[in-house]
Amino acid sequence: MSTTTRTRCDRPSRRRPEAIITALALGLSAAGPAAAQTDVGKDAYSGLHWSVAAPEGVSWTLECRFRPVTVWVSTYERGRWLNVMTQAGQGNEHGRLPGDNGRCTLTKTGGVGAVGIALVKNGVATAQGTRDQRVPAKVAVL
């Protein structure tokens, strides 16, 4: 008389497809934020134009946030991660963000008069200004 013993490995598994789908979903979600970064290389500031208007020499601080990018800093540091730019100044000033999106907050820090911020995308300016130090001007272009 022969006896056959079945082990757990002999049974067909019905959980295998769900486990594979779950593992793939977890892997793709973990790669999502890293894949969302754009490598801008040495040309870190070639995106949206920004401009601060402070015609009476008013002092201000500017903080702009944007989608994460990686920039080339030197031969030894080629992938510095960047998603915010801060700057302080007095009077009018302008520059560029690294990408085609951003949201900026301009805060008046001193002086008499108003300050204003504008972001330009595809030739269209989005702007806001303020005279009050307690109420910052905010613009967003996505």
Foldseek 3Di string as FASTA:
>chain_A
DDDDDDDPVNDDDPCVVVVVVVVVVVVVVVCVLVVQEAELEAPQFDEKKKKKADAVFFKKKKKKFDRWYFYQDDPVGGGHIDGMDMDIGTHIDMTGGRHHWMKMKMATDDDADKMKMWIAHPRDIDMDMDRDRVDITMDTDD
